[in-house]
């Protein structure tokens, strides 16, 4: 993704957020992110899903550690 400070704001609008490619006649959008093709839309959504799975595993590990330290489940851990 284009997170470099060297890119200007106007230039970032003219490029795909995933592959940094130029736009054709059609732009695809996902969560207000301009993408150049269906392939980039699929890549963007798979990244979102992998981030979501990672965060769920992190939350589960945190709950496991809390249960191990305290020895009982708190109200937060049961929800």
C-alpha atoms as a PDB file:
ATOM      1  CA  UNK A   1       0.000   0.000   0.000  1.00  0.00           C
ATOM      2  CA  UNK A   2       1.066   3.535  -0.614  1.00  0.00           C
ATOM      3  CA  UNK A   3       1.844   4.844   2.855  1.00  0.00           C
ATOM      4  CA  UNK A   4       5.004   6.715   1.945  1.00  0.00           C
ATOM      5  CA  UNK A   5       5.201  10.378   2.794  1.00  0.00           C
ATOM      6  CA  UNK A   6       6.886  11.139  -0.516  1.00  0.00           C
ATOM      7  CA  UNK A   7       3.597  10.720  -2.407  1.00  0.00           C
ATOM      8  CA  UNK A   8       1.421  13.779  -2.724  1.00  0.00           C
ATOM      9  CA  UNK A   9      -2.245  13.627  -1.848  1.00  0.00           C
ATOM     10  CA  UNK A  10      -3.372  14.330  -5.419  1.00  0.00           C
ATOM     11  CA  UNK A  11      -1.076  11.671  -6.853  1.00  0.00           C
ATOM     12  CA  UNK A  12      -2.426   9.038  -4.466  1.00  0.00           C
ATOM     13  CA  UNK A  13      -5.921   9.468  -5.896  1.00  0.00           C
ATOM     14  CA  UNK A  14      -4.671   8.566  -9.367  1.00  0.00           C
ATOM     15  CA  UNK A  15      -3.234   5.179  -8.349  1.00  0.00           C
ATOM     16  CA  UNK A  16      -4.628   1.903  -7.043  1.00  0.00           C
ATOM     17  CA  UNK A  17      -4.273   1.470  -3.278  1.00  0.00           C
ATOM     18  CA  UNK A  18      -3.227  -2.184  -3.575  1.00  0.00           C
ATOM     19  CA  UNK A  19      -0.989  -2.547  -6.621  1.00  0.00           C
ATOM     20  CA  UNK A  20      -0.077   1.102  -7.266  1.00  0.00           C
ATOM     21  CA  UNK A  21      -1.315   0.695 -10.841  1.00  0.00           C
ATOM     22  CA  UNK A  22      -3.020   3.321 -12.963  1.00  0.00           C
ATOM     23  CA  UNK A  23      -6.794   3.337 -13.282  1.00  0.00           C
ATOM     24  CA  UNK A  24      -8.533   2.384 -16.509  1.00  0.00           C
ATOM     25  CA  UNK A  25     -12.045   3.343 -17.499  1.00  0.00           C
ATOM     26  CA  UNK A  26     -13.582   1.661 -14.443  1.00  0.00           C
ATOM     27  CA  UNK A  27     -12.684   2.123 -10.793  1.00  0.00           C
ATOM     28  CA  UNK A  28     -13.753  -0.377  -8.176  1.00  0.00           C
ATOM     29  CA  UNK A  29     -14.289   0.735  -4.587  1.00  0.00           C
ATOM     30  CA  UNK A  30     -14.166  -1.063  -1.295  1.00  0.00           C
ATOM     31  CA  UNK A  31     -14.668   0.976   1.872  1.00  0.00           C
ATOM     32  CA  UNK A  32     -13.980   4.209  -0.055  1.00  0.00           C
ATOM     33  CA  UNK A  33     -10.685   2.840  -1.296  1.00  0.00           C
ATOM     34  CA  UNK A  34     -10.201   3.196  -5.039  1.00  0.00           C
ATOM     35  CA  UNK A  35      -8.978   0.014  -6.700  1.00  0.00           C
ATOM     36  CA  UNK A  36      -8.121  -0.651 -10.333  1.00  0.00           C
ATOM     37  CA  UNK A  37      -9.567  -4.137 -10.888  1.00  0.00           C
ATOM     38  CA  UNK A  38     -11.631  -6.973  -9.445  1.00  0.00           C
ATOM     39  CA  UNK A  39      -8.358  -8.759  -8.718  1.00  0.00           C
ATOM     40  CA  UNK A  40      -7.268  -5.893  -6.451  1.00  0.00           C
ATOM     41  CA  UNK A  41     -10.715  -5.870  -4.792  1.00  0.00           C
ATOM     42  CA  UNK A  42     -10.279  -9.560  -3.973  1.00  0.00           C
ATOM     43  CA  UNK A  43      -6.758  -8.954  -2.641  1.00  0.00           C
ATOM     44  CA  UNK A  44      -7.993  -6.023  -0.521  1.00  0.00           C
ATOM     45  CA  UNK A  45     -10.852  -8.080   0.947  1.00  0.00           C
ATOM     46  CA  UNK A  46      -8.581 -11.051   1.681  1.00  0.00           C
ATOM     47  CA  UNK A  47      -6.208  -8.723   3.550  1.00  0.00           C
ATOM     48  CA  UNK A  48      -9.131  -7.377   5.579  1.00  0.00           C
ATOM     49  CA  UNK A  49     -10.251 -10.923   6.404  1.00  0.00           C
ATOM     50  CA  UNK A  50      -6.745 -12.004   7.437  1.00  0.00           C
ATOM     51  CA  UNK A  51      -6.466  -8.911   9.656  1.00  0.00           C
ATOM     52  CA  UNK A  52      -9.824  -9.758  11.221  1.00  0.00           C
ATOM     53  CA  UNK A  53      -8.754 -13.365  11.884  1.00  0.00           C
ATOM     54  CA  UNK A  54      -5.474 -12.161  13.397  1.00  0.00           C
ATOM     55  CA  UNK A  55      -7.279  -9.791  15.740  1.00  0.00           C
ATOM     56  CA  UNK A  56      -9.668 -12.543  16.823  1.00  0.00           C
ATOM     57  CA  UNK A  57      -6.717 -14.835  17.625  1.00  0.00           C
ATOM     58  CA  UNK A  58      -5.075 -12.013  19.575  1.00  0.00           C
ATOM     59  CA  UNK A  59      -8.264 -11.467  21.557  1.00  0.00           C
ATOM     60  CA  UNK A  60      -8.571 -15.222  22.271  1.00  0.00           C
ATOM     61  CA  UNK A  61      -4.942 -15.380  23.433  1.00  0.00           C
ATOM     62  CA  UNK A  62      -5.510 -12.377  25.703  1.00  0.00           C
ATOM     63  CA  UNK A  63      -8.539 -14.076  27.253  1.00  0.00           C
ATOM     64  CA  UNK A  64      -6.539 -17.287  27.775  1.00  0.00           C
ATOM     65  CA  UNK A  65      -3.793 -15.376  29.557  1.00  0.00           C
ATOM     66  CA  UNK A  66      -6.329 -13.582  31.753  1.00  0.00           C
ATOM     67  CA  UNK A  67      -7.945 -16.884  32.720  1.00  0.00           C
ATOM     68  CA  UNK A  68      -4.529 -18.390  33.483  1.00  0.00           C
ATOM     69  CA  UNK A  69      -3.467 -15.445  35.663  1.00  0.00           C
ATOM     70  CA  UNK A  70      -6.681 -14.927  37.585  1.00  0.00           C
ATOM     71  CA  UNK A  71      -7.805 -18.542  37.725  1.00  0.00           C
ATOM     72  CA  UNK A  72     -11.401 -17.682  36.906  1.00  0.00           C
ATOM     73  CA  UNK A  73     -13.345 -16.150  34.085  1.00  0.00           C
ATOM     74  CA  UNK A  74     -14.338 -12.553  34.470  1.00  0.00           C
ATOM     75  CA  UNK A  75     -17.500 -11.080  32.967  1.00  0.00           C
ATOM     76  CA  UNK A  76     -15.438  -9.683  30.082  1.00  0.00           C
ATOM     77  CA  UNK A  77     -14.026 -13.121  29.266  1.00  0.00           C
ATOM     78  CA  UNK A  78     -17.473 -14.729  29.047  1.00  0.00           C
ATOM     79  CA  UNK A  79     -18.821 -12.217  26.532  1.00  0.00           C
END
